[in-house]
Amino acid sequence: NSLKPEDTAVYYCKAWGSSRKYDYWGQG
Protein backbone atom coordinates (compact mmCIF):
# COMPACT_ATOMS: atom_id res chain seq x y z
CA ASN A 1 0.00 0.00 0.00
CA SER A 2 0.97 3.67 -0.33
CA LEU A 3 3.45 2.77 -3.03
CA LYS A 4 6.34 5.09 -3.82
CA PRO A 5 8.55 5.36 -6.91
CA GLU A 6 11.45 4.01 -4.84
CA ASP A 7 9.51 0.74 -4.45
CA THR A 8 10.13 0.06 -8.15
CA ALA A 9 12.04 -3.23 -8.41
CA VAL A 10 11.84 -6.87 -9.35
CA TYR A 11 10.27 -8.70 -6.41
CA TYR A 12 11.28 -12.28 -5.57
CA CYS A 13 9.95 -14.80 -3.09
CA LYS A 14 12.26 -17.20 -1.25
CA ALA A 15 11.78 -20.30 0.85
CA TRP A 16 14.35 -20.67 3.66
CA GLY A 17 16.00 -24.08 3.61
CA SER A 18 18.02 -25.65 6.40
CA SER A 19 21.13 -24.21 4.74
CA ARG A 20 21.78 -21.77 1.90
CA LYS A 21 22.12 -24.49 -0.74
CA TYR A 22 18.56 -25.62 0.04
CA ASP A 23 16.93 -22.19 -0.36
CA TYR A 24 14.36 -21.94 -3.15
CA TRP A 25 13.81 -18.81 -5.27
CA GLY A 26 11.12 -17.65 -7.63
CA GLN A 27 11.81 -16.02 -10.98
CA GLY A 28 10.62 -12.57 -9.92
mmCIF file of all heavy atoms, coordinates in Angstrom:
data_MODEL
# 
_entry.id   MODEL 
# 
loop_
_atom_site.group_PDB 
_atom_site.id 
_atom_site.type_symbol 
_atom_site.label_atom_id 
_atom_site.label_alt_id 
_atom_site.label_comp_id 
_atom_site.label_asym_id 
_atom_site.label_entity_id 
_atom_site.label_seq_id 
_atom_site.pdbx_PDB_ins_code 
_atom_site.Cartn_x 
_atom_site.Cartn_y 
_atom_site.Cartn_z 
_atom_site.occupancy 
_atom_site.B_iso_or_equiv 
_atom_site.pdbx_formal_charge 
_atom_site.auth_seq_id 
_atom_site.auth_comp_id 
_atom_site.auth_asym_id 
_atom_site.auth_atom_id 
_atom_site.pdbx_PDB_model_num 
ATOM 1   N N   . ASN A 1 1  ? 0.837  -1.197  0.000   1.00 0.00 ? 1  ASN A N   1 
ATOM 2   C CA  . ASN A 1 1  ? 0.000  0.000   0.000   1.00 0.00 ? 1  ASN A CA  1 
ATOM 3   C C   . ASN A 1 1  ? 0.872  1.247   0.000   1.00 0.00 ? 1  ASN A C   1 
ATOM 4   O O   . ASN A 1 1  ? 2.056  1.190   0.315   1.00 0.00 ? 1  ASN A O   1 
ATOM 5   C CB  . ASN A 1 1  ? -0.916 0.018   1.220   1.00 0.00 ? 1  ASN A CB  1 
ATOM 6   C CG  . ASN A 1 1  ? -1.878 -1.138  1.261   1.00 0.00 ? 1  ASN A CG  1 
ATOM 7   O OD1 . ASN A 1 1  ? -2.339 -1.616  0.222   1.00 0.00 ? 1  ASN A OD1 1 
ATOM 8   N ND2 . ASN A 1 1  ? -2.210 -1.601  2.459   1.00 0.00 ? 1  ASN A ND2 1 
ATOM 9   N N   . SER A 1 2  ? 0.269  2.377   -0.329  1.00 0.00 ? 2  SER A N   1 
ATOM 10  C CA  . SER A 1 2  ? 0.967  3.666   -0.334  1.00 0.00 ? 2  SER A CA  1 
ATOM 11  C C   . SER A 1 2  ? 2.286  3.584   -1.083  1.00 0.00 ? 2  SER A C   1 
ATOM 12  O O   . SER A 1 2  ? 3.327  4.033   -0.605  1.00 0.00 ? 2  SER A O   1 
ATOM 13  C CB  . SER A 1 2  ? 1.190  4.150   1.107   1.00 0.00 ? 2  SER A CB  1 
ATOM 14  O OG  . SER A 1 2  ? -0.032 4.263   1.802   1.00 0.00 ? 2  SER A OG  1 
ATOM 15  N N   . LEU A 1 3  ? 2.234  3.026   -2.272  1.00 0.00 ? 3  LEU A N   1 
ATOM 16  C CA  . LEU A 1 3  ? 3.453  2.766   -3.031  1.00 0.00 ? 3  LEU A CA  1 
ATOM 17  C C   . LEU A 1 3  ? 4.152  4.050   -3.454  1.00 0.00 ? 3  LEU A C   1 
ATOM 18  O O   . LEU A 1 3  ? 3.509  5.057   -3.756  1.00 0.00 ? 3  LEU A O   1 
ATOM 19  C CB  . LEU A 1 3  ? 3.139  1.904   -4.246  1.00 0.00 ? 3  LEU A CB  1 
ATOM 20  C CG  . LEU A 1 3  ? 2.937  0.422   -3.906  1.00 0.00 ? 3  LEU A CG  1 
ATOM 21  C CD1 . LEU A 1 3  ? 2.185  -0.282  -5.023  1.00 0.00 ? 3  LEU A CD1 1 
ATOM 22  C CD2 . LEU A 1 3  ? 4.287  -0.243  -3.663  1.00 0.00 ? 3  LEU A CD2 1 
ATOM 23  N N   . LYS A 1 4  ? 5.474  3.985   -3.465  1.00 0.00 ? 4  LYS A N   1 
ATOM 24  C CA  . LYS A 1 4  ? 6.341  5.093   -3.817  1.00 0.00 ? 4  LYS A CA  1 
ATOM 25  C C   . LYS A 1 4  ? 7.198  4.714   -5.012  1.00 0.00 ? 4  LYS A C   1 
ATOM 26  O O   . LYS A 1 4  ? 7.467  3.532   -5.228  1.00 0.00 ? 4  LYS A O   1 
ATOM 27  C CB  . LYS A 1 4  ? 7.263  5.447   -2.648  1.00 0.00 ? 4  LYS A CB  1 
ATOM 28  C CG  . LYS A 1 4  ? 6.554  5.739   -1.342  1.00 0.00 ? 4  LYS A CG  1 
ATOM 29  C CD  . LYS A 1 4  ? 7.566  5.907   -0.221  1.00 0.00 ? 4  LYS A CD  1 
ATOM 30  C CE  . LYS A 1 4  ? 6.884  6.214   1.097   1.00 0.00 ? 4  LYS A CE  1 
ATOM 31  N NZ  . LYS A 1 4  ? 7.875  6.353   2.190   1.00 0.00 ? 4  LYS A NZ  1 
ATOM 32  N N   . PRO A 1 5  ? 7.669  5.691   -5.784  1.00 0.00 ? 5  PRO A N   1 
ATOM 33  C CA  . PRO A 1 5  ? 8.553  5.364   -6.911  1.00 0.00 ? 5  PRO A CA  1 
ATOM 34  C C   . PRO A 1 5  ? 9.773  4.548   -6.495  1.00 0.00 ? 5  PRO A C   1 
ATOM 35  O O   . PRO A 1 5  ? 10.222 3.696   -7.276  1.00 0.00 ? 5  PRO A O   1 
ATOM 36  C CB  . PRO A 1 5  ? 8.962  6.742   -7.443  1.00 0.00 ? 5  PRO A CB  1 
ATOM 37  C CG  . PRO A 1 5  ? 7.796  7.606   -7.113  1.00 0.00 ? 5  PRO A CG  1 
ATOM 38  C CD  . PRO A 1 5  ? 7.303  7.120   -5.770  1.00 0.00 ? 5  PRO A CD  1 
ATOM 39  N N   . GLU A 1 6  ? 10.298 4.761   -5.303  1.00 0.00 ? 6  GLU A N   1 
ATOM 40  C CA  . GLU A 1 6  ? 11.446 4.008   -4.837  1.00 0.00 ? 6  GLU A CA  1 
ATOM 41  C C   . GLU A 1 6  ? 11.148 2.542   -4.530  1.00 0.00 ? 6  GLU A C   1 
ATOM 42  O O   . GLU A 1 6  ? 12.065 1.763   -4.253  1.00 0.00 ? 6  GLU A O   1 
ATOM 43  C CB  . GLU A 1 6  ? 12.108 4.683   -3.624  1.00 0.00 ? 6  GLU A CB  1 
ATOM 44  C CG  . GLU A 1 6  ? 11.132 5.062   -2.536  1.00 0.00 ? 6  GLU A CG  1 
ATOM 45  C CD  . GLU A 1 6  ? 10.696 6.522   -2.597  1.00 0.00 ? 6  GLU A CD  1 
ATOM 46  O OE1 . GLU A 1 6  ? 10.303 6.995   -3.685  1.00 0.00 ? 6  GLU A OE1 1 
ATOM 47  O OE2 . GLU A 1 6  ? 10.749 7.199   -1.549  1.00 0.00 ? 6  GLU A OE2 1 
ATOM 48  N N   . ASP A 1 7  ? 9.877  2.146   -4.568  1.00 0.00 ? 7  ASP A N   1 
ATOM 49  C CA  . ASP A 1 7  ? 9.513  0.737   -4.452  1.00 0.00 ? 7  ASP A CA  1 
ATOM 50  C C   . ASP A 1 7  ? 9.672  -0.016  -5.771  1.00 0.00 ? 7  ASP A C   1 
ATOM 51  O O   . ASP A 1 7  ? 9.516  -1.241  -5.798  1.00 0.00 ? 7  ASP A O   1 
ATOM 52  C CB  . ASP A 1 7  ? 8.070  0.585   -3.974  1.00 0.00 ? 7  ASP A CB  1 
ATOM 53  C CG  . ASP A 1 7  ? 7.847  1.128   -2.574  1.00 0.00 ? 7  ASP A CG  1 
ATOM 54  O OD1 . ASP A 1 7  ? 8.708  0.894   -1.698  1.00 0.00 ? 7  ASP A OD1 1 
ATOM 55  O OD2 . ASP A 1 7  ? 6.807  1.773   -2.349  1.00 0.00 ? 7  ASP A OD2 1 
ATOM 56  N N   . THR A 1 8  ? 9.953  0.695   -6.843  1.00 0.00 ? 8  THR A N   1 
ATOM 57  C CA  . THR A 1 8  ? 10.126 0.064   -8.146  1.00 0.00 ? 8  THR A CA  1 
ATOM 58  C C   . THR A 1 8  ? 11.292 -0.921  -8.107  1.00 0.00 ? 8  THR A C   1 
ATOM 59  O O   . THR A 1 8  ? 12.411 -0.565  -7.748  1.00 0.00 ? 8  THR A O   1 
ATOM 60  C CB  . THR A 1 8  ? 10.368 1.121   -9.227  1.00 0.00 ? 8  THR A CB  1 
ATOM 61  O OG1 . THR A 1 8  ? 9.199  1.935   -9.362  1.00 0.00 ? 8  THR A OG1 1 
ATOM 62  C CG2 . THR A 1 8  ? 10.673 0.472   -10.569 1.00 0.00 ? 8  THR A CG2 1 
ATOM 63  N N   . ALA A 1 9  ? 11.029 -2.173  -8.478  1.00 0.00 ? 9  ALA A N   1 
ATOM 64  C CA  . ALA A 1 9  ? 12.037 -3.227  -8.410  1.00 0.00 ? 9  ALA A CA  1 
ATOM 65  C C   . ALA A 1 9  ? 11.441 -4.512  -8.959  1.00 0.00 ? 9  ALA A C   1 
ATOM 66  O O   . ALA A 1 9  ? 10.235 -4.613  -9.172  1.00 0.00 ? 9  ALA A O   1 
ATOM 67  C CB  . ALA A 1 9  ? 12.500 -3.457  -6.965  1.00 0.00 ? 9  ALA A CB  1 
ATOM 68  N N   . VAL A 1 10 ? 12.300 -5.504  -9.153  1.00 0.00 ? 10 VAL A N   1 
ATOM 69  C CA  . VAL A 1 10 ? 11.845 -6.868  -9.348  1.00 0.00 ? 10 VAL A CA  1 
ATOM 70  C C   . VAL A 1 10 ? 11.714 -7.500  -7.971  1.00 0.00 ? 10 VAL A C   1 
ATOM 71  O O   . VAL A 1 10 ? 12.647 -7.447  -7.166  1.00 0.00 ? 10 VAL A O   1 
ATOM 72  C CB  . VAL A 1 10 ? 12.809 -7.683  -10.226 1.00 0.00 ? 10 VAL A CB  1 
ATOM 73  C CG1 . VAL A 1 10 ? 12.328 -9.124  -10.357 1.00 0.00 ? 10 VAL A CG1 1 
ATOM 74  C CG2 . VAL A 1 10 ? 12.934 -7.045  -11.603 1.00 0.00 ? 10 VAL A CG2 1 
ATOM 75  N N   . TYR A 1 11 ? 10.561 -8.090  -7.696  1.00 0.00 ? 11 TYR A N   1 
ATOM 76  C CA  . TYR A 1 11 ? 10.273 -8.703  -6.408  1.00 0.00 ? 11 TYR A CA  1 
ATOM 77  C C   . TYR A 1 11 ? 10.346 -10.218 -6.527  1.00 0.00 ? 11 TYR A C   1 
ATOM 78  O O   . TYR A 1 11 ? 9.763  -10.811 -7.437  1.00 0.00 ? 11 TYR A O   1 
ATOM 79  C CB  . TYR A 1 11 ? 8.887  -8.278  -5.909  1.00 0.00 ? 11 TYR A CB  1 
ATOM 80  C CG  . TYR A 1 11 ? 8.862  -6.874  -5.368  1.00 0.00 ? 11 TYR A CG  1 
ATOM 81  C CD1 . TYR A 1 11 ? 8.969  -5.785  -6.222  1.00 0.00 ? 11 TYR A CD1 1 
ATOM 82  C CD2 . TYR A 1 11 ? 8.762  -6.633  -3.998  1.00 0.00 ? 11 TYR A CD2 1 
ATOM 83  C CE1 . TYR A 1 11 ? 8.982  -4.485  -5.727  1.00 0.00 ? 11 TYR A CE1 1 
ATOM 84  C CE2 . TYR A 1 11 ? 8.765  -5.341  -3.500  1.00 0.00 ? 11 TYR A CE2 1 
ATOM 85  C CZ  . TYR A 1 11 ? 8.875  -4.265  -4.374  1.00 0.00 ? 11 TYR A CZ  1 
ATOM 86  O OH  . TYR A 1 11 ? 8.875  -2.979  -3.873  1.00 0.00 ? 11 TYR A OH  1 
ATOM 87  N N   . TYR A 1 12 ? 11.062 -10.835 -5.590  1.00 0.00 ? 12 TYR A N   1 
ATOM 88  C CA  . TYR A 1 12 ? 11.282 -12.276 -5.573  1.00 0.00 ? 12 TYR A CA  1 
ATOM 89  C C   . TYR A 1 12 ? 10.785 -12.878 -4.265  1.00 0.00 ? 12 TYR A C   1 
ATOM 90  O O   . TYR A 1 12 ? 10.957 -12.277 -3.200  1.00 0.00 ? 12 TYR A O   1 
ATOM 91  C CB  . TYR A 1 12 ? 12.775 -12.600 -5.672  1.00 0.00 ? 12 TYR A CB  1 
ATOM 92  C CG  . TYR A 1 12 ? 13.476 -12.084 -6.903  1.00 0.00 ? 12 TYR A CG  1 
ATOM 93  C CD1 . TYR A 1 12 ? 14.057 -10.821 -6.917  1.00 0.00 ? 12 TYR A CD1 1 
ATOM 94  C CD2 . TYR A 1 12 ? 13.580 -12.871 -8.040  1.00 0.00 ? 12 TYR A CD2 1 
ATOM 95  C CE1 . TYR A 1 12 ? 14.716 -10.344 -8.036  1.00 0.00 ? 12 TYR A CE1 1 
ATOM 96  C CE2 . TYR A 1 12 ? 14.244 -12.406 -9.163  1.00 0.00 ? 12 TYR A CE2 1 
ATOM 97  C CZ  . TYR A 1 12 ? 14.810 -11.140 -9.155  1.00 0.00 ? 12 TYR A CZ  1 
ATOM 98  O OH  . TYR A 1 12 ? 15.466 -10.680 -10.270 1.00 0.00 ? 12 TYR A OH  1 
ATOM 99  N N   . CYS A 1 13 ? 10.217 -14.073 -4.320  1.00 0.00 ? 13 CYS A N   1 
ATOM 100 C CA  . CYS A 1 13 ? 9.947  -14.800 -3.086  1.00 0.00 ? 13 CYS A CA  1 
ATOM 101 C C   . CYS A 1 13 ? 11.001 -15.880 -2.886  1.00 0.00 ? 13 CYS A C   1 
ATOM 102 O O   . CYS A 1 13 ? 11.601 -16.387 -3.838  1.00 0.00 ? 13 CYS A O   1 
ATOM 103 C CB  . CYS A 1 13 ? 8.535  -15.401 -3.067  1.00 0.00 ? 13 CYS A CB  1 
ATOM 104 S SG  . CYS A 1 13 ? 8.198  -16.677 -4.279  1.00 0.00 ? 13 CYS A SG  1 
ATOM 105 N N   . LYS A 1 14 ? 11.260 -16.203 -1.613  1.00 0.00 ? 14 LYS A N   1 
ATOM 106 C CA  . LYS A 1 14 ? 12.265 -17.197 -1.252  1.00 0.00 ? 14 LYS A CA  1 
ATOM 107 C C   . LYS A 1 14 ? 11.762 -18.059 -0.112  1.00 0.00 ? 14 LYS A C   1 
ATOM 108 O O   . LYS A 1 14 ? 11.173 -17.564 0.845   1.00 0.00 ? 14 LYS A O   1 
ATOM 109 C CB  . LYS A 1 14 ? 13.573 -16.514 -0.826  1.00 0.00 ? 14 LYS A CB  1 
ATOM 110 C CG  . LYS A 1 14 ? 14.694 -17.511 -0.580  1.00 0.00 ? 14 LYS A CG  1 
ATOM 111 C CD  . LYS A 1 14 ? 15.954 -16.856 -0.041  1.00 0.00 ? 14 LYS A CD  1 
ATOM 112 C CE  . LYS A 1 14 ? 15.937 -16.757 1.460   1.00 0.00 ? 14 LYS A CE  1 
ATOM 113 N NZ  . LYS A 1 14 ? 17.283 -16.340 1.975   1.00 0.00 ? 14 LYS A NZ  1 
ATOM 114 N N   . ALA A 1 15 ? 12.010 -19.344 -0.229  1.00 0.00 ? 15 ALA A N   1 
ATOM 115 C CA  . ALA A 1 15 ? 11.781 -20.297 0.853   1.00 0.00 ? 15 ALA A CA  1 
ATOM 116 C C   . ALA A 1 15 ? 13.107 -20.578 1.538   1.00 0.00 ? 15 ALA A C   1 
ATOM 117 O O   . ALA A 1 15 ? 14.099 -20.889 0.874   1.00 0.00 ? 15 ALA A O   1 
ATOM 118 C CB  . ALA A 1 15 ? 11.181 -21.588 0.305   1.00 0.00 ? 15 ALA A CB  1 
ATOM 119 N N   . TRP A 1 16 ? 13.120 -20.480 2.875   1.00 0.00 ? 16 TRP A N   1 
ATOM 120 C CA  . TRP A 1 16 ? 14.351 -20.666 3.658   1.00 0.00 ? 16 TRP A CA  1 
ATOM 121 C C   . TRP A 1 16 ? 14.578 -22.138 3.941   1.00 0.00 ? 16 TRP A C   1 
ATOM 122 O O   . TRP A 1 16 ? 13.835 -22.755 4.707   1.00 0.00 ? 16 TRP A O   1 
ATOM 123 C CB  . TRP A 1 16 ? 14.267 -19.899 4.976   1.00 0.00 ? 16 TRP A CB  1 
ATOM 124 C CG  . TRP A 1 16 ? 14.284 -18.418 4.823   1.00 0.00 ? 16 TRP A CG  1 
ATOM 125 C CD1 . TRP A 1 16 ? 13.225 -17.598 4.550   1.00 0.00 ? 16 TRP A CD1 1 
ATOM 126 C CD2 . TRP A 1 16 ? 15.426 -17.555 4.944   1.00 0.00 ? 16 TRP A CD2 1 
ATOM 127 N NE1 . TRP A 1 16 ? 13.633 -16.285 4.494   1.00 0.00 ? 16 TRP A NE1 1 
ATOM 128 C CE2 . TRP A 1 16 ? 14.987 -16.230 4.731   1.00 0.00 ? 16 TRP A CE2 1 
ATOM 129 C CE3 . TRP A 1 16 ? 16.771 -17.781 5.216   1.00 0.00 ? 16 TRP A CE3 1 
ATOM 130 C CZ2 . TRP A 1 16 ? 15.842 -15.138 4.779   1.00 0.00 ? 16 TRP A CZ2 1 
ATOM 131 C CZ3 . TRP A 1 16 ? 17.636 -16.696 5.270   1.00 0.00 ? 16 TRP A CZ3 1 
ATOM 132 C CH2 . TRP A 1 16 ? 17.161 -15.389 5.048   1.00 0.00 ? 16 TRP A CH2 1 
ATOM 133 N N   . GLY A 1 17 ? 15.623 -22.703 3.351   1.00 0.00 ? 17 GLY A N   1 
ATOM 134 C CA  . GLY A 1 17 ? 16.004 -24.077 3.615   1.00 0.00 ? 17 GLY A CA  1 
ATOM 135 C C   . GLY A 1 17 ? 16.838 -24.195 4.878   1.00 0.00 ? 17 GLY A C   1 
ATOM 136 O O   . GLY A 1 17 ? 17.131 -23.207 5.555   1.00 0.00 ? 17 GLY A O   1 
ATOM 137 N N   . SER A 1 18 ? 17.213 -25.409 5.207   1.00 0.00 ? 18 SER A N   1 
ATOM 138 C CA  . SER A 1 18 ? 18.022 -25.650 6.397   1.00 0.00 ? 18 SER A CA  1 
ATOM 139 C C   . SER A 1 18 ? 19.441 -25.109 6.253   1.00 0.00 ? 18 SER A C   1 
ATOM 140 O O   . SER A 1 18 ? 20.131 -24.902 7.244   1.00 0.00 ? 18 SER A O   1 
ATOM 141 C CB  . SER A 1 18 ? 18.051 -27.141 6.722   1.00 0.00 ? 18 SER A CB  1 
ATOM 142 O OG  . SER A 1 18 ? 18.542 -27.892 5.629   1.00 0.00 ? 18 SER A OG  1 
ATOM 143 N N   . SER A 1 19 ? 19.890 -24.889 5.041   1.00 0.00 ? 19 SER A N   1 
ATOM 144 C CA  . SER A 1 19 ? 21.133 -24.206 4.740   1.00 0.00 ? 19 SER A CA  1 
ATOM 145 C C   . SER A 1 19 ? 20.975 -23.495 3.409   1.00 0.00 ? 19 SER A C   1 
ATOM 146 O O   . SER A 1 19 ? 20.009 -23.757 2.673   1.00 0.00 ? 19 SER A O   1 
ATOM 147 C CB  . SER A 1 19 ? 22.320 -25.170 4.715   1.00 0.00 ? 19 SER A CB  1 
ATOM 148 O OG  . SER A 1 19 ? 22.181 -26.099 3.655   1.00 0.00 ? 19 SER A OG  1 
ATOM 149 N N   . ARG A 1 20 ? 21.911 -22.606 3.090   1.00 0.00 ? 20 ARG A N   1 
ATOM 150 C CA  . ARG A 1 20 ? 21.783 -21.773 1.903   1.00 0.00 ? 20 ARG A CA  1 
ATOM 151 C C   . ARG A 1 20 ? 21.576 -22.579 0.624   1.00 0.00 ? 20 ARG A C   1 
ATOM 152 O O   . ARG A 1 20 ? 20.789 -22.166 -0.243  1.00 0.00 ? 20 ARG A O   1 
ATOM 153 C CB  . ARG A 1 20 ? 23.027 -20.883 1.774   1.00 0.00 ? 20 ARG A CB  1 
ATOM 154 C CG  . ARG A 1 20 ? 23.008 -19.920 0.612   1.00 0.00 ? 20 ARG A CG  1 
ATOM 155 C CD  . ARG A 1 20 ? 24.168 -18.948 0.724   1.00 0.00 ? 20 ARG A CD  1 
ATOM 156 N NE  . ARG A 1 20 ? 24.252 -18.081 -0.441  1.00 0.00 ? 20 ARG A NE  1 
ATOM 157 C CZ  . ARG A 1 20 ? 25.031 -18.312 -1.503  1.00 0.00 ? 20 ARG A CZ  1 
ATOM 158 N NH1 . ARG A 1 20 ? 25.796 -19.391 -1.546  1.00 0.00 ? 20 ARG A NH1 1 
ATOM 159 N NH2 . ARG A 1 20 ? 25.031 -17.452 -2.516  1.00 0.00 ? 20 ARG A NH2 1 
ATOM 160 N N   . LYS A 1 21 ? 22.234 -23.707 0.487   1.00 0.00 ? 21 LYS A N   1 
ATOM 161 C CA  . LYS A 1 21 ? 22.117 -24.486 -0.741  1.00 0.00 ? 21 LYS A CA  1 
ATOM 162 C C   . LYS A 1 21 ? 20.720 -25.054 -0.935  1.00 0.00 ? 21 LYS A C   1 
ATOM 163 O O   . LYS A 1 21 ? 20.366 -25.445 -2.058  1.00 0.00 ? 21 LYS A O   1 
ATOM 164 C CB  . LYS A 1 21 ? 23.170 -25.591 -0.800  1.00 0.00 ? 21 LYS A CB  1 
ATOM 165 C CG  . LYS A 1 21 ? 22.945 -26.741 0.149   1.00 0.00 ? 21 LYS A CG  1 
ATOM 166 C CD  . LYS A 1 21 ? 23.998 -27.829 -0.043  1.00 0.00 ? 21 LYS A CD  1 
ATOM 167 C CE  . LYS A 1 21 ? 23.874 -28.502 -1.399  1.00 0.00 ? 21 LYS A CE  1 
ATOM 168 N NZ  . LYS A 1 21 ? 24.861 -29.612 -1.556  1.00 0.00 ? 21 LYS A NZ  1 
ATOM 169 N N   . TYR A 1 22 ? 19.917 -25.104 0.122   1.00 0.00 ? 22 TYR A N   1 
ATOM 170 C CA  . TYR A 1 22 ? 18.560 -25.625 0.039   1.00 0.00 ? 22 TYR A CA  1 
ATOM 171 C C   . TYR A 1 22 ? 17.486 -24.538 -0.029  1.00 0.00 ? 22 TYR A C   1 
ATOM 172 O O   . TYR A 1 22 ? 16.295 -24.844 0.014   1.00 0.00 ? 22 TYR A O   1 
ATOM 173 C CB  . TYR A 1 22 ? 18.283 -26.572 1.205   1.00 0.00 ? 22 TYR A CB  1 
ATOM 174 C CG  . TYR A 1 22 ? 19.156 -27.798 1.184   1.00 0.00 ? 22 TYR A CG  1 
ATOM 175 C CD1 . TYR A 1 22 ? 20.172 -27.966 2.117   1.00 0.00 ? 22 TYR A CD1 1 
ATOM 176 C CD2 . TYR A 1 22 ? 18.978 -28.776 0.216   1.00 0.00 ? 22 TYR A CD2 1 
ATOM 177 C CE1 . TYR A 1 22 ? 20.987 -29.086 2.089   1.00 0.00 ? 22 TYR A CE1 1 
ATOM 178 C CE2 . TYR A 1 22 ? 19.791 -29.898 0.187   1.00 0.00 ? 22 TYR A CE2 1 
ATOM 179 C CZ  . TYR A 1 22 ? 20.789 -30.051 1.121   1.00 0.00 ? 22 TYR A CZ  1 
ATOM 180 O OH  . TYR A 1 22 ? 21.592 -31.164 1.090   1.00 0.00 ? 22 TYR A OH  1 
ATOM 181 N N   . ASP A 1 23 ? 17.886 -23.268 -0.121  1.00 0.00 ? 23 ASP A N   1 
ATOM 182 C CA  . ASP A 1 23 ? 16.928 -22.195 -0.362  1.00 0.00 ? 23 ASP A CA  1 
ATOM 183 C C   . ASP A 1 23 ? 16.310 -22.353 -1.746  1.00 0.00 ? 23 ASP A C   1 
ATOM 184 O O   . ASP A 1 23 ? 16.965 -22.781 -2.693  1.00 0.00 ? 23 ASP A O   1 
ATOM 185 C CB  . ASP A 1 23 ? 17.600 -20.822 -0.288  1.00 0.00 ? 23 ASP A CB  1 
ATOM 186 C CG  . ASP A 1 23 ? 18.033 -20.434 1.106   1.00 0.00 ? 23 ASP A CG  1 
ATOM 187 O OD1 . ASP A 1 23 ? 17.624 -21.087 2.081   1.00 0.00 ? 23 ASP A OD1 1 
ATOM 188 O OD2 . ASP A 1 23 ? 18.789 -19.451 1.220   1.00 0.00 ? 23 ASP A OD2 1 
ATOM 189 N N   . TYR A 1 24 ? 15.039 -21.954 -1.867  1.00 0.00 ? 24 TYR A N   1 
ATOM 190 C CA  . TYR A 1 24 ? 14.356 -21.936 -3.151  1.00 0.00 ? 24 TYR A CA  1 
ATOM 191 C C   . TYR A 1 24 ? 13.968 -20.504 -3.499  1.00 0.00 ? 24 TYR A C   1 
ATOM 192 O O   . TYR A 1 24 ? 13.521 -19.746 -2.632  1.00 0.00 ? 24 TYR A O   1 
ATOM 193 C CB  . TYR A 1 24 ? 13.088 -22.792 -3.117  1.00 0.00 ? 24 TYR A CB  1 
ATOM 194 C CG  . TYR A 1 24 ? 13.304 -24.237 -2.749  1.00 0.00 ? 24 TYR A CG  1 
ATOM 195 C CD1 . TYR A 1 24 ? 12.482 -24.856 -1.803  1.00 0.00 ? 24 TYR A CD1 1 
ATOM 196 C CD2 . TYR A 1 24 ? 14.295 -24.995 -3.351  1.00 0.00 ? 24 TYR A CD2 1 
ATOM 197 C CE1 . TYR A 1 24 ? 12.662 -26.182 -1.466  1.00 0.00 ? 24 TYR A CE1 1 
ATOM 198 C CE2 . TYR A 1 24 ? 14.484 -26.327 -3.010  1.00 0.00 ? 24 TYR A CE2 1 
ATOM 199 C CZ  . TYR A 1 24 ? 13.667 -26.919 -2.070  1.00 0.00 ? 24 TYR A CZ  1 
ATOM 200 O OH  . TYR A 1 24 ? 13.843 -28.237 -1.727  1.00 0.00 ? 24 TYR A OH  1 
ATOM 201 N N   . TRP A 1 25 ? 14.104 -20.151 -4.774  1.00 0.00 ? 25 TRP A N   1 
ATOM 202 C CA  . TRP A 1 25 ? 13.811 -18.805 -5.265  1.00 0.00 ? 25 TRP A CA  1 
ATOM 203 C C   . TRP A 1 25 ? 12.833 -18.844 -6.419  1.00 0.00 ? 25 TRP A C   1 
ATOM 204 O O   . TRP A 1 25 ? 12.878 -19.745 -7.263  1.00 0.00 ? 25 TRP A O   1 
ATOM 205 C CB  . TRP A 1 25 ? 15.088 -18.121 -5.760  1.00 0.00 ? 25 TRP A CB  1 
ATOM 206 C CG  . TRP A 1 25 ? 16.044 -17.736 -4.680  1.00 0.00 ? 25 TRP A CG  1 
ATOM 207 C CD1 . TRP A 1 25 ? 17.012 -18.507 -4.123  1.00 0.00 ? 25 TRP A CD1 1 
ATOM 208 C CD2 . TRP A 1 25 ? 16.125 -16.457 -4.041  1.00 0.00 ? 25 TRP A CD2 1 
ATOM 209 N NE1 . TRP A 1 25 ? 17.702 -17.786 -3.169  1.00 0.00 ? 25 TRP A NE1 1 
ATOM 210 C CE2 . TRP A 1 25 ? 17.179 -16.533 -3.100  1.00 0.00 ? 25 TRP A CE2 1 
ATOM 211 C CE3 . TRP A 1 25 ? 15.420 -15.263 -4.170  1.00 0.00 ? 25 TRP A CE3 1 
ATOM 212 C CZ2 . TRP A 1 25 ? 17.537 -15.449 -2.299  1.00 0.00 ? 25 TRP A CZ2 1 
ATOM 213 C CZ3 . TRP A 1 25 ? 15.770 -14.187 -3.377  1.00 0.00 ? 25 TRP A CZ3 1 
ATOM 214 C CH2 . TRP A 1 25 ? 16.822 -14.296 -2.457  1.00 0.00 ? 25 TRP A CH2 1 
ATOM 215 N N   . GLY A 1 26 ? 11.955 -17.848 -6.466  1.00 0.00 ? 26 GLY A N   1 
ATOM 216 C CA  . GLY A 1 26 ? 11.118 -17.648 -7.632  1.00 0.00 ? 26 GLY A CA  1 
ATOM 217 C C   . GLY A 1 26 ? 11.852 -16.875 -8.712  1.00 0.00 ? 26 GLY A C   1 
ATOM 218 O O   . GLY A 1 26 ? 12.998 -16.436 -8.531  1.00 0.00 ? 26 GLY A O   1 
ATOM 219 N N   . GLN A 1 27 ? 11.189 -16.688 -9.837  1.00 0.00 ? 27 GLN A N   1 
ATOM 220 C CA  . GLN A 1 27 ? 11.806 -16.016 -10.983 1.00 0.00 ? 27 GLN A CA  1 
ATOM 221 C C   . GLN A 1 27 ? 11.659 -14.503 -10.938 1.00 0.00 ? 27 GLN A C   1 
ATOM 222 O O   . GLN A 1 27 ? 12.341 -13.799 -11.688 1.00 0.00 ? 27 GLN A O   1 
ATOM 223 C CB  . GLN A 1 27 ? 11.211 -16.559 -12.287 1.00 0.00 ? 27 GLN A CB  1 
ATOM 224 C CG  . GLN A 1 27 ? 9.868  -15.975 -12.692 1.00 0.00 ? 27 GLN A CG  1 
ATOM 225 C CD  . GLN A 1 27 ? 8.703  -16.448 -11.841 1.00 0.00 ? 27 GLN A CD  1 
ATOM 226 O OE1 . GLN A 1 27 ? 8.821  -17.378 -11.050 1.00 0.00 ? 27 GLN A OE1 1 
ATOM 227 N NE2 . GLN A 1 27 ? 7.558  -15.799 -12.010 1.00 0.00 ? 27 GLN A NE2 1 
ATOM 228 N N   . GLY A 1 28 ? 10.795 -13.997 -10.090 1.00 0.00 ? 28 GLY A N   1 
ATOM 229 C CA  . GLY A 1 28 ? 10.618 -12.569 -9.922  1.00 0.00 ? 28 GLY A CA  1 
ATOM 230 C C   . GLY A 1 28 ? 9.449  -12.006 -10.709 1.00 0.00 ? 28 GLY A C   1 
ATOM 231 O O   . GLY A 1 28 ? 9.043  -12.548 -11.735 1.00 0.00 ? 28 GLY A O   1 
# 
